[in-house]
Amino acid sequence: MDVNQAILYAQLVNAAYAVDPTNLANSAGQIIPAGTPAATYEVVTTIYANDLATDMHPEHGKNRVSIGLILQATAANDVVIAIRGTEGIQEWIHDAQFLPVNCPFMPAAGNTEDGFTAMYMSMKTGADAASPSVAKALSTLPFRKPVTSLTICGHSLGGALATLLALDVAVNTPFDPTVFTYASPRTGDSQFVAIYNHAVPDTTRIANRVDLVPKLPLPPLYEHVLGLYELSSITLVPPAFLIKPDIACQHILTSYLFLLSRLTGGPILPLKPECVP
């Protein structure tokens, strides 16, 4: 894995996090710096979805939110789809039902988790729910240059949504996606995983071994796709936590960026102050 690439894509996911979820204005035209040294990306469109519905707050599933960005490099032809997570992931963990449903965009692809699937099916390139889905819109978006590569990346719930989107894109569009996920939960069953691994082999699934979210939902109903790149927030010699041993601190994207940057030999990206051990 190219660690610098992983950091660049995580920073673009951070740009999606920087958008207020309730802000439904399209960020098209905004310039985003990412990477070391920083490259610049122009937002082509915001991605919208219904928020994650949970047992604690089922009404969230009716709220339209900003969930991600589609960007194109200003000095190159590559396109990136960056998908953020949601606070609802904590409630999803507590709900612990993880009901399987048929994969809706490819009937032969087994089962996927119902909450993730419902949110994925609501993902559009416009704030109006009648707008085209992300996969269907890709060929019609106003890219400034011909698209030579497509990378799909996401953190937490966004990792699950990125996984679903990558398979949808791979089997239903002309694009051949590369995928980077961070702290992604399991998304589908063994049949889904087998189809995904065949259709989207260029996948890197980054997980902090102390993070709870990538361990859920549990097998055998759900399995992980291939491509694991494991990080550790614990040192053995001397034994110490690099990140505060807290569920949220071990999971948030800034902590993943901190751990990845430690591998580059360059500047270390900071933890949130509350996550410093």
C-alpha atoms as a PDB file:
ATOM      1  CA  MET A   1       0.000   0.000   0.000  1.00  0.00           C
ATOM      2  CA  ASP A   2       1.147   3.545  -0.768  1.00  0.00           C
ATOM      3  CA  VAL A   3       0.796   5.247   2.626  1.00  0.00           C
ATOM      4  CA  ASN A   4       0.927   8.728   1.123  1.00  0.00           C
ATOM      5  CA  GLN A   5      -1.966   7.874  -1.171  1.00  0.00           C
ATOM      6  CA  ALA A   6      -3.907   6.536   1.810  1.00  0.00           C
ATOM      7  CA  ILE A   7      -3.303   9.815   3.651  1.00  0.00           C
ATOM      8  CA  LEU A   8      -4.371  11.889   0.636  1.00  0.00           C
ATOM      9  CA  TYR A   9      -7.678  10.048   0.268  1.00  0.00           C
ATOM     10  CA  ALA A  10      -8.318  10.204   4.027  1.00  0.00           C
ATOM     11  CA  GLN A  11      -7.812  13.961   3.880  1.00  0.00           C
ATOM     12  CA  LEU A  12     -10.427  14.182   1.133  1.00  0.00           C
ATOM     13  CA  VAL A  13     -12.808  12.240   3.362  1.00  0.00           C
ATOM     14  CA  ASN A  14     -11.977  14.789   6.073  1.00  0.00           C
ATOM     15  CA  ALA A  15     -13.085  17.486   3.627  1.00  0.00           C
ATOM     16  CA  ALA A  16     -16.451  15.713   3.408  1.00  0.00           C
ATOM     17  CA  TYR A  17     -16.608  15.730   7.215  1.00  0.00           C
ATOM     18  CA  ALA A  18     -15.935  19.487   7.178  1.00  0.00           C
ATOM     19  CA  VAL A  19     -19.269  20.109   5.430  1.00  0.00           C
ATOM     20  CA  ASP A  20     -22.126  20.611   7.887  1.00  0.00           C
ATOM     21  CA  PRO A  21     -24.416  17.610   7.282  1.00  0.00           C
ATOM     22  CA  THR A  22     -27.465  19.891   7.367  1.00  0.00           C
ATOM     23  CA  ASN A  23     -25.998  22.201   4.725  1.00  0.00           C
ATOM     24  CA  LEU A  24     -27.667  21.081   1.514  1.00  0.00           C
ATOM     25  CA  ALA A  25     -25.991  23.699  -0.668  1.00  0.00           C
ATOM     26  CA  ASN A  26     -23.860  22.071  -3.353  1.00  0.00           C
ATOM     27  CA  SER A  27     -20.114  22.570  -2.823  1.00  0.00           C
ATOM     28  CA  ALA A  28     -19.384  22.342  -6.579  1.00  0.00           C
ATOM     29  CA  GLY A  29     -16.410  24.492  -7.552  1.00  0.00           C
ATOM     30  CA  GLN A  30     -14.771  24.492  -4.105  1.00  0.00           C
ATOM     31  CA  ILE A  31     -11.021  23.774  -4.186  1.00  0.00           C
ATOM     32  CA  ILE A  32      -9.727  21.248  -1.635  1.00  0.00           C
ATOM     33  CA  PRO A  33      -6.011  20.723  -0.845  1.00  0.00           C
ATOM     34  CA  ALA A  34      -4.906  17.219   0.151  1.00  0.00           C
ATOM     35  CA  GLY A  35      -1.728  15.167   0.310  1.00  0.00           C
ATOM     36  CA  THR A  36       1.917  15.917   1.077  1.00  0.00           C
ATOM     37  CA  PRO A  37       2.861  18.051  -0.776  1.00  0.00           C
ATOM     38  CA  ALA A  38      -0.692  19.219  -1.197  1.00  0.00           C
ATOM     39  CA  ALA A  39      -2.419  18.599  -4.503  1.00  0.00           C
ATOM     40  CA  THR A  40      -5.685  20.379  -5.183  1.00  0.00           C
ATOM     41  CA  TYR A  41      -9.055  18.894  -6.050  1.00  0.00           C
ATOM     42  CA  GLU A  42     -12.161  20.641  -7.303  1.00  0.00           C
ATOM     43  CA  VAL A  43     -15.551  19.555  -6.021  1.00  0.00           C
ATOM     44  CA  VAL A  44     -17.743  18.435  -8.928  1.00  0.00           C
ATOM     45  CA  THR A  45     -20.803  17.814  -6.771  1.00  0.00           C
ATOM     46  CA  THR A  46     -21.903  17.117  -3.224  1.00  0.00           C
ATOM     47  CA  ILE A  47     -23.448  13.715  -2.480  1.00  0.00           C
ATOM     48  CA  TYR A  48     -26.651  13.604  -0.445  1.00  0.00           C
ATOM     49  CA  ALA A  49     -28.448  10.795   1.362  1.00  0.00           C
ATOM     50  CA  ASN A  50     -31.020  10.050   4.006  1.00  0.00           C
ATOM     51  CA  ASP A  51     -29.248   9.837   7.362  1.00  0.00           C
ATOM     52  CA  LEU A  52     -28.697   6.476   9.070  1.00  0.00           C
ATOM     53  CA  ALA A  53     -31.897   5.285  10.746  1.00  0.00           C
ATOM     54  CA  THR A  54     -31.411   3.507  14.081  1.00  0.00           C
ATOM     55  CA  ASP A  55     -33.739   2.005  16.660  1.00  0.00           C
ATOM     56  CA  MET A  56     -32.968   4.928  18.967  1.00  0.00           C
ATOM     57  CA  HIS A  57     -33.689   7.499  16.254  1.00  0.00           C
ATOM     58  CA  PRO A  58     -35.603   5.955  13.339  1.00  0.00           C
ATOM     59  CA  GLU A  59     -36.723   9.413  12.226  1.00  0.00           C
ATOM     60  CA  HIS A  60     -33.161  10.180  11.115  1.00  0.00           C
ATOM     61  CA  GLY A  61     -33.809   8.031   8.078  1.00  0.00           C
ATOM     62  CA  LYS A  62     -36.094  10.780   6.735  1.00  0.00           C
ATOM     63  CA  ASN A  63     -33.520  13.565   7.052  1.00  0.00           C
ATOM     64  CA  ARG A  64     -31.558  14.516   3.930  1.00  0.00           C
ATOM     65  CA  VAL A  65     -27.900  15.214   4.723  1.00  0.00           C
ATOM     66  CA  SER A  66     -24.649  15.936   2.943  1.00  0.00           C
ATOM     67  CA  ILE A  67     -22.704  12.664   3.033  1.00  0.00           C
ATOM     68  CA  GLY A  68     -19.819  13.069   0.602  1.00  0.00           C
ATOM     69  CA  LEU A  69     -18.070  14.789  -2.272  1.00  0.00           C
ATOM     70  CA  ILE A  70     -17.145  13.904  -5.848  1.00  0.00           C
ATOM     71  CA  LEU A  71     -13.895  15.656  -6.771  1.00  0.00           C
ATOM     72  CA  GLN A  72     -11.474  15.834  -9.681  1.00  0.00           C
ATOM     73  CA  ALA A  73      -7.781  16.693  -9.417  1.00  0.00           C
ATOM     74  CA  THR A  74      -7.134  20.168 -10.830  1.00  0.00           C
ATOM     75  CA  ALA A  75      -3.798  19.133 -12.378  1.00  0.00           C
ATOM     76  CA  ALA A  76      -4.753  15.611 -13.470  1.00  0.00           C
ATOM     77  CA  ASN A  77      -7.682  13.542 -14.665  1.00  0.00           C
ATOM     78  CA  ASP A  78      -8.310  11.361 -11.622  1.00  0.00           C
ATOM     79  CA  VAL A  79     -11.660  11.502  -9.840  1.00  0.00           C
ATOM     80  CA  VAL A  80     -12.246  10.754  -6.158  1.00  0.00           C
ATOM     81  CA  ILE A  81     -15.524   9.988  -4.405  1.00  0.00           C
ATOM     82  CA  ALA A  82     -15.096  10.695  -0.665  1.00  0.00           C
ATOM     83  CA  ILE A  83     -17.783   9.576   1.781  1.00  0.00           C
ATOM     84  CA  ARG A  84     -17.900  10.537   5.446  1.00  0.00           C
ATOM     85  CA  GLY A  85     -19.299   8.635   8.397  1.00  0.00           C
ATOM     86  CA  THR A  86     -22.089   9.709  10.708  1.00  0.00           C
ATOM     87  CA  GLU A  87     -22.684  10.064  14.431  1.00  0.00           C
ATOM     88  CA  GLY A  88     -25.410   7.466  13.957  1.00  0.00           C
ATOM     89  CA  ILE A  89     -22.747   4.748  13.793  1.00  0.00           C
ATOM     90  CA  GLN A  90     -22.543   4.804  17.602  1.00  0.00           C
ATOM     91  CA  GLU A  91     -26.290   4.160  17.835  1.00  0.00           C
ATOM     92  CA  TRP A  92     -25.990   1.500  15.142  1.00  0.00           C
ATOM     93  CA  ILE A  93     -23.429  -0.304  17.336  1.00  0.00           C
ATOM     94  CA  HIS A  94     -25.792  -0.185  20.299  1.00  0.00           C
ATOM     95  CA  ASP A  95     -28.774  -1.406  18.232  1.00  0.00           C
ATOM     96  CA  ALA A  96     -26.831  -4.591  17.420  1.00  0.00           C
ATOM     97  CA  GLN A  97     -29.509  -6.116  15.142  1.00  0.00           C
ATOM     98  CA  PHE A  98     -27.667  -5.995  11.803  1.00  0.00           C
ATOM     99  CA  LEU A  99     -30.505  -7.418   9.727  1.00  0.00           C
ATOM    100  CA  PRO A 100     -29.526  -8.730   6.263  1.00  0.00           C
ATOM    101  CA  VAL A 101     -31.370  -7.712   3.085  1.00  0.00           C
ATOM    102  CA  ASN A 102     -30.835  -8.677  -0.536  1.00  0.00           C
ATOM    103  CA  CYS A 103     -28.214  -6.605  -2.333  1.00  0.00           C
ATOM    104  CA  PRO A 104     -30.519  -4.287  -4.300  1.00  0.00           C
ATOM    105  CA  PHE A 105     -28.365  -3.429  -7.330  1.00  0.00           C
ATOM    106  CA  MET A 106     -27.067  -6.936  -8.096  1.00  0.00           C
ATOM    107  CA  PRO A 107     -29.464  -9.783  -7.196  1.00  0.00           C
ATOM    108  CA  ALA A 108     -26.711 -12.433  -7.305  1.00  0.00           C
ATOM    109  CA  ALA A 109     -24.539 -10.563  -4.791  1.00  0.00           C
ATOM    110  CA  GLY A 110     -26.000 -12.023  -1.605  1.00  0.00           C
ATOM    111  CA  ASN A 111     -27.078  -9.982   1.403  1.00  0.00           C
ATOM    112  CA  THR A 112     -25.997  -6.634   2.815  1.00  0.00           C
ATOM    113  CA  GLU A 113     -26.687  -4.906   6.138  1.00  0.00           C
ATOM    114  CA  ASP A 114     -30.097  -3.240   6.069  1.00  0.00           C
ATOM    115  CA  GLY A 115     -29.247   0.173   7.564  1.00  0.00           C
ATOM    116  CA  PHE A 116     -26.236   0.657   5.319  1.00  0.00           C
ATOM    117  CA  THR A 117     -28.180  -0.562   2.305  1.00  0.00           C
ATOM    118  CA  ALA A 118     -31.122   1.786   2.888  1.00  0.00           C
ATOM    119  CA  MET A 119     -28.758   4.724   3.247  1.00  0.00           C
ATOM    120  CA  TYR A 120     -26.808   3.684   0.152  1.00  0.00           C
ATOM    121  CA  MET A 121     -29.953   3.475  -1.959  1.00  0.00           C
ATOM    122  CA  SER A 122     -30.823   7.039  -0.911  1.00  0.00           C
ATOM    123  CA  MET A 123     -27.420   8.432  -2.047  1.00  0.00           C
ATOM    124  CA  LYS A 124     -27.942  10.963  -4.848  1.00  0.00           C
ATOM    125  CA  THR A 125     -26.015  13.702  -6.623  1.00  0.00           C
ATOM    126  CA  GLY A 126     -28.696  16.250  -5.746  1.00  0.00           C
ATOM    127  CA  ALA A 127     -30.443  17.231  -2.537  1.00  0.00           C
ATOM    128  CA  ASP A 128     -33.757  16.148  -4.054  1.00  0.00           C
ATOM    129  CA  ALA A 129     -34.394  12.438  -3.491  1.00  0.00           C
ATOM    130  CA  ALA A 130     -35.501  12.218  -7.141  1.00  0.00           C
ATOM    131  CA  SER A 131     -31.967  13.093  -8.334  1.00  0.00           C
ATOM    132  CA  PRO A 132     -29.930  10.342 -10.032  1.00  0.00           C
ATOM    133  CA  SER A 133     -27.961   7.891  -7.918  1.00  0.00           C
ATOM    134  CA  VAL A 134     -24.203   8.319  -7.719  1.00  0.00           C
ATOM    135  CA  ALA A 135     -23.461   5.292  -9.899  1.00  0.00           C
ATOM    136  CA  LYS A 136     -25.957   6.369 -12.578  1.00  0.00           C
ATOM    137  CA  ALA A 137     -24.781   9.994 -12.516  1.00  0.00           C
ATOM    138  CA  LEU A 138     -21.066   9.308 -12.991  1.00  0.00           C
ATOM    139  CA  SER A 139     -21.189   9.236 -16.774  1.00  0.00           C
ATOM    140  CA  THR A 140     -23.121  12.521 -16.961  1.00  0.00           C
ATOM    141  CA  LEU A 141     -21.304  14.709 -14.406  1.00  0.00           C
ATOM    142  CA  PRO A 142     -19.548  17.862 -15.719  1.00  0.00           C
ATOM    143  CA  PHE A 143     -15.937  16.725 -15.290  1.00  0.00           C
ATOM    144  CA  ARG A 144     -13.487  19.288 -16.682  1.00  0.00           C
ATOM    145  CA  LYS A 145     -11.228  16.558 -18.099  1.00  0.00           C
ATOM    146  CA  PRO A 146     -11.735  12.969 -19.296  1.00  0.00           C
ATOM    147  CA  VAL A 147     -11.694  10.617 -16.314  1.00  0.00           C
ATOM    148  CA  THR A 148      -8.656   8.322 -16.336  1.00  0.00           C
ATOM    149  CA  SER A 149      -9.078   6.827 -12.837  1.00  0.00           C
ATOM    150  CA  LEU A 150     -11.758   6.611 -10.170  1.00  0.00           C
ATOM    151  CA  THR A 151     -11.023   6.158  -6.477  1.00  0.00           C
ATOM    152  CA  ILE A 152     -13.791   5.616  -3.924  1.00  0.00           C
ATOM    153  CA  CYS A 153     -12.920   6.211  -0.277  1.00  0.00           C
ATOM    154  CA  GLY A 154     -14.815   6.384   2.989  1.00  0.00           C
ATOM    155  CA  HIS A 155     -14.492   6.264   6.759  1.00  0.00           C
ATOM    156  CA  SER A 156     -16.642   4.293   9.220  1.00  0.00           C
ATOM    157  CA  LEU A 157     -20.201   4.131   7.854  1.00  0.00           C
ATOM    158  CA  GLY A 158     -18.734   5.881   4.818  1.00  0.00           C
ATOM    159  CA  GLY A 159     -16.483   2.847   4.367  1.00  0.00           C
ATOM    160  CA  ALA A 160     -19.521   0.586   4.149  1.00  0.00           C
ATOM    161  CA  LEU A 161     -21.197   2.990   1.713  1.00  0.00           C
ATOM    162  CA  ALA A 162     -17.981   3.139  -0.333  1.00  0.00           C
ATOM    163  CA  THR A 163     -17.925  -0.663  -0.473  1.00  0.00           C
ATOM    164  CA  LEU A 164     -21.493  -0.806  -1.756  1.00  0.00           C
ATOM    165  CA  LEU A 165     -20.844   1.984  -4.252  1.00  0.00           C
ATOM    166  CA  ALA A 166     -17.656   0.346  -5.535  1.00  0.00           C
ATOM    167  CA  LEU A 167     -19.437  -2.886  -6.397  1.00  0.00           C
ATOM    168  CA  ASP A 168     -22.352  -1.009  -7.972  1.00  0.00           C
ATOM    169  CA  VAL A 169     -19.918   1.040 -10.085  1.00  0.00           C
ATOM    170  CA  ALA A 170     -17.827  -2.001 -11.030  1.00  0.00           C
ATOM    171  CA  VAL A 171     -20.748  -4.082 -12.301  1.00  0.00           C
ATOM    172  CA  ASN A 172     -23.113  -1.397 -13.605  1.00  0.00           C
ATOM    173  CA  THR A 173     -20.876   1.316 -15.138  1.00  0.00           C
ATOM    174  CA  PRO A 174     -17.807   1.487 -17.418  1.00  0.00           C
ATOM    175  CA  PHE A 175     -15.597   2.634 -14.515  1.00  0.00           C
ATOM    176  CA  ASP A 176     -13.072   0.378 -12.770  1.00  0.00           C
ATOM    177  CA  PRO A 177     -12.779   1.726  -9.215  1.00  0.00           C
ATOM    178  CA  THR A 178      -9.913   1.685  -6.745  1.00  0.00           C
ATOM    179  CA  VAL A 179     -11.071   1.667  -3.117  1.00  0.00           C
ATOM    180  CA  PHE A 180      -9.629   2.914   0.177  1.00  0.00           C
ATOM    181  CA  THR A 181     -11.706   2.470   3.328  1.00  0.00           C
ATOM    182  CA  TYR A 182     -10.876   3.428   6.900  1.00  0.00           C
ATOM    183  CA  ALA A 183     -12.521   1.799   9.939  1.00  0.00           C
ATOM    184  CA  SER A 184     -15.197   0.190   7.769  1.00  0.00           C
ATOM    185  CA  PRO A 185     -17.635  -2.224   9.377  1.00  0.00           C
ATOM    186  CA  ARG A 186     -18.480  -5.474   7.605  1.00  0.00           C
ATOM    187  CA  THR A 187     -20.991  -4.735   4.878  1.00  0.00           C
ATOM    188  CA  GLY A 188     -22.289  -8.019   3.481  1.00  0.00           C
ATOM    189  CA  ASP A 189     -22.352 -11.794   3.726  1.00  0.00           C
ATOM    190  CA  SER A 190     -19.892 -14.299   2.278  1.00  0.00           C
ATOM    191  CA  GLN A 191     -21.628 -14.294  -1.129  1.00  0.00           C
ATOM    192  CA  PHE A 192     -21.469 -10.502  -1.307  1.00  0.00           C
ATOM    193  CA  VAL A 193     -17.795 -10.597  -0.331  1.00  0.00           C
ATOM    194  CA  ALA A 194     -16.957 -13.217  -2.968  1.00  0.00           C
ATOM    195  CA  ILE A 195     -18.597 -11.144  -5.719  1.00  0.00           C
ATOM    196  CA  TYR A 196     -16.994  -7.946  -4.441  1.00  0.00           C
ATOM    197  CA  ASN A 197     -13.487  -9.423  -4.239  1.00  0.00           C
ATOM    198  CA  HIS A 198     -13.761 -10.597  -7.832  1.00  0.00           C
ATOM    199  CA  ALA A 199     -15.227  -7.324  -9.178  1.00  0.00           C
ATOM    200  CA  VAL A 200     -13.194  -4.823  -7.107  1.00  0.00           C
ATOM    201  CA  PRO A 201      -9.783  -6.414  -6.489  1.00  0.00           C
ATOM    202  CA  ASP A 202      -7.993  -3.064  -6.044  1.00  0.00           C
ATOM    203  CA  THR A 203      -9.247  -2.477  -2.504  1.00  0.00           C
ATOM    204  CA  THR A 204      -7.327  -1.354   0.580  1.00  0.00           C
ATOM    205  CA  ARG A 205      -9.259  -1.747   3.827  1.00  0.00           C
ATOM    206  CA  ILE A 206      -7.421   0.083   6.619  1.00  0.00           C
ATOM    207  CA  ALA A 207      -8.328  -0.870  10.182  1.00  0.00           C
ATOM    208  CA  ASN A 208      -6.922  -0.007  13.603  1.00  0.00           C
ATOM    209  CA  ARG A 209      -6.820  -3.333  15.429  1.00  0.00           C
ATOM    210  CA  VAL A 210      -8.089  -1.641  18.624  1.00  0.00           C
ATOM    211  CA  ASP A 211     -11.070  -0.034  16.848  1.00  0.00           C
ATOM    212  CA  LEU A 212     -14.430  -1.649  17.637  1.00  0.00           C
ATOM    213  CA  VAL A 213     -16.326  -0.677  14.458  1.00  0.00           C
ATOM    214  CA  PRO A 214     -14.348  -2.863  11.982  1.00  0.00           C
ATOM    215  CA  LYS A 215     -15.139  -5.879  14.172  1.00  0.00           C
ATOM    216  CA  LEU A 216     -18.897  -5.500  13.556  1.00  0.00           C
ATOM    217  CA  PRO A 217     -21.308  -6.923  12.507  1.00  0.00           C
ATOM    218  CA  LEU A 218     -20.049 -10.332  13.538  1.00  0.00           C
ATOM    219  CA  PRO A 219     -19.516 -13.356  11.274  1.00  0.00           C
ATOM    220  CA  PRO A 220     -20.846 -15.714  10.029  1.00  0.00           C
ATOM    221  CA  LEU A 221     -23.715 -13.501   8.783  1.00  0.00           C
ATOM    222  CA  TYR A 222     -21.231 -10.836   7.715  1.00  0.00           C
ATOM    223  CA  GLU A 223     -17.689 -11.015   6.373  1.00  0.00           C
ATOM    224  CA  HIS A 224     -15.011  -8.483   5.465  1.00  0.00           C
ATOM    225  CA  VAL A 225     -13.858  -7.851   1.918  1.00  0.00           C
ATOM    226  CA  LEU A 226     -10.188  -8.487   1.194  1.00  0.00           C
ATOM    227  CA  GLY A 227      -7.429  -5.872   1.278  1.00  0.00           C
ATOM    228  CA  LEU A 228      -6.796  -5.513   5.024  1.00  0.00           C
ATOM    229  CA  TYR A 229      -4.003  -3.134   6.012  1.00  0.00           C
ATOM    230  CA  GLU A 230      -3.834  -3.201   9.798  1.00  0.00           C
ATOM    231  CA  LEU A 231      -2.702  -0.329  11.989  1.00  0.00           C
ATOM    232  CA  SER A 232      -1.925  -0.516  15.691  1.00  0.00           C
ATOM    233  CA  SER A 233      -2.382   2.215  18.269  1.00  0.00           C
ATOM    234  CA  ILE A 234      -0.363   0.242  20.827  1.00  0.00           C
ATOM    235  CA  THR A 235       3.398  -0.129  21.077  1.00  0.00           C
ATOM    236  CA  LEU A 236       4.828  -3.264  22.658  1.00  0.00           C
ATOM    237  CA  VAL A 237       8.298  -1.926  23.526  1.00  0.00           C
ATOM    238  CA  PRO A 238       7.702  -0.042  25.700  1.00  0.00           C
ATOM    239  CA  PRO A 239       4.041  -1.037  26.149  1.00  0.00           C
ATOM    240  CA  ALA A 240       1.996   2.108  25.655  1.00  0.00           C
ATOM    241  CA  PHE A 241      -1.101   3.514  23.978  1.00  0.00           C
ATOM    242  CA  LEU A 242      -0.384   5.935  21.138  1.00  0.00           C
ATOM    243  CA  ILE A 243      -4.024   7.048  21.267  1.00  0.00           C
ATOM    244  CA  LYS A 244      -6.216   7.373  24.343  1.00  0.00           C
ATOM    245  CA  PRO A 245      -7.942   3.996  24.937  1.00  0.00           C
ATOM    246  CA  ASP A 246     -11.392   5.360  24.247  1.00  0.00           C
ATOM    247  CA  ILE A 247     -13.896   3.931  21.730  1.00  0.00           C
ATOM    248  CA  ALA A 248     -14.383   7.217  19.888  1.00  0.00           C
ATOM    249  CA  CYS A 249     -10.694   8.174  19.897  1.00  0.00           C
ATOM    250  CA  GLN A 250      -9.629   4.807  18.493  1.00  0.00           C
ATOM    251  CA  HIS A 251     -12.195   5.175  15.693  1.00  0.00           C
ATOM    252  CA  ILE A 252     -12.161   8.771  14.431  1.00  0.00           C
ATOM    253  CA  LEU A 253     -10.452   9.589  11.155  1.00  0.00           C
ATOM    254  CA  THR A 254      -7.924  12.002  12.676  1.00  0.00           C
ATOM    255  CA  SER A 255      -6.576   9.077  14.715  1.00  0.00           C
ATOM    256  CA  TYR A 256      -6.197   6.999  11.540  1.00  0.00           C
ATOM    257  CA  LEU A 257      -4.361   9.902   9.879  1.00  0.00           C
ATOM    258  CA  PHE A 258      -2.078  10.129  12.929  1.00  0.00           C
ATOM    259  CA  LEU A 259      -1.222   6.419  12.721  1.00  0.00           C
ATOM    260  CA  LEU A 260      -0.694   6.511   8.949  1.00  0.00           C
ATOM    261  CA  SER A 261       1.534   9.589   9.116  1.00  0.00           C
ATOM    262  CA  ARG A 262       3.774   7.840  11.658  1.00  0.00           C
ATOM    263  CA  LEU A 263       4.672   5.382   8.887  1.00  0.00           C
ATOM    264  CA  THR A 264       5.921   7.982   6.398  1.00  0.00           C
ATOM    265  CA  GLY A 265       9.009   9.272   8.201  1.00  0.00           C
ATOM    266  CA  GLY A 266       7.695  12.803   7.680  1.00  0.00           C
ATOM    267  CA  PRO A 267       5.568  15.178   9.756  1.00  0.00           C
ATOM    268  CA  ILE A 268       3.092  13.443  12.052  1.00  0.00           C
ATOM    269  CA  LEU A 269      -0.488  14.617  11.713  1.00  0.00           C
ATOM    270  CA  PRO A 270      -1.902  15.589  15.119  1.00  0.00           C
ATOM    271  CA  LEU A 271      -4.433  13.777  17.228  1.00  0.00           C
ATOM    272  CA  LYS A 272      -7.417  15.629  18.580  1.00  0.00           C
ATOM    273  CA  PRO A 273      -6.361  17.037  21.967  1.00  0.00           C
ATOM    274  CA  GLU A 274      -8.874  14.884  23.818  1.00  0.00           C
ATOM    275  CA  CYS A 275      -7.370  11.743  22.252  1.00  0.00           C
ATOM    276  CA  VAL A 276      -3.784  12.317  23.362  1.00  0.00           C
ATOM    277  CA  PRO A 277      -2.983   9.574  25.909  1.00  0.00           C
END
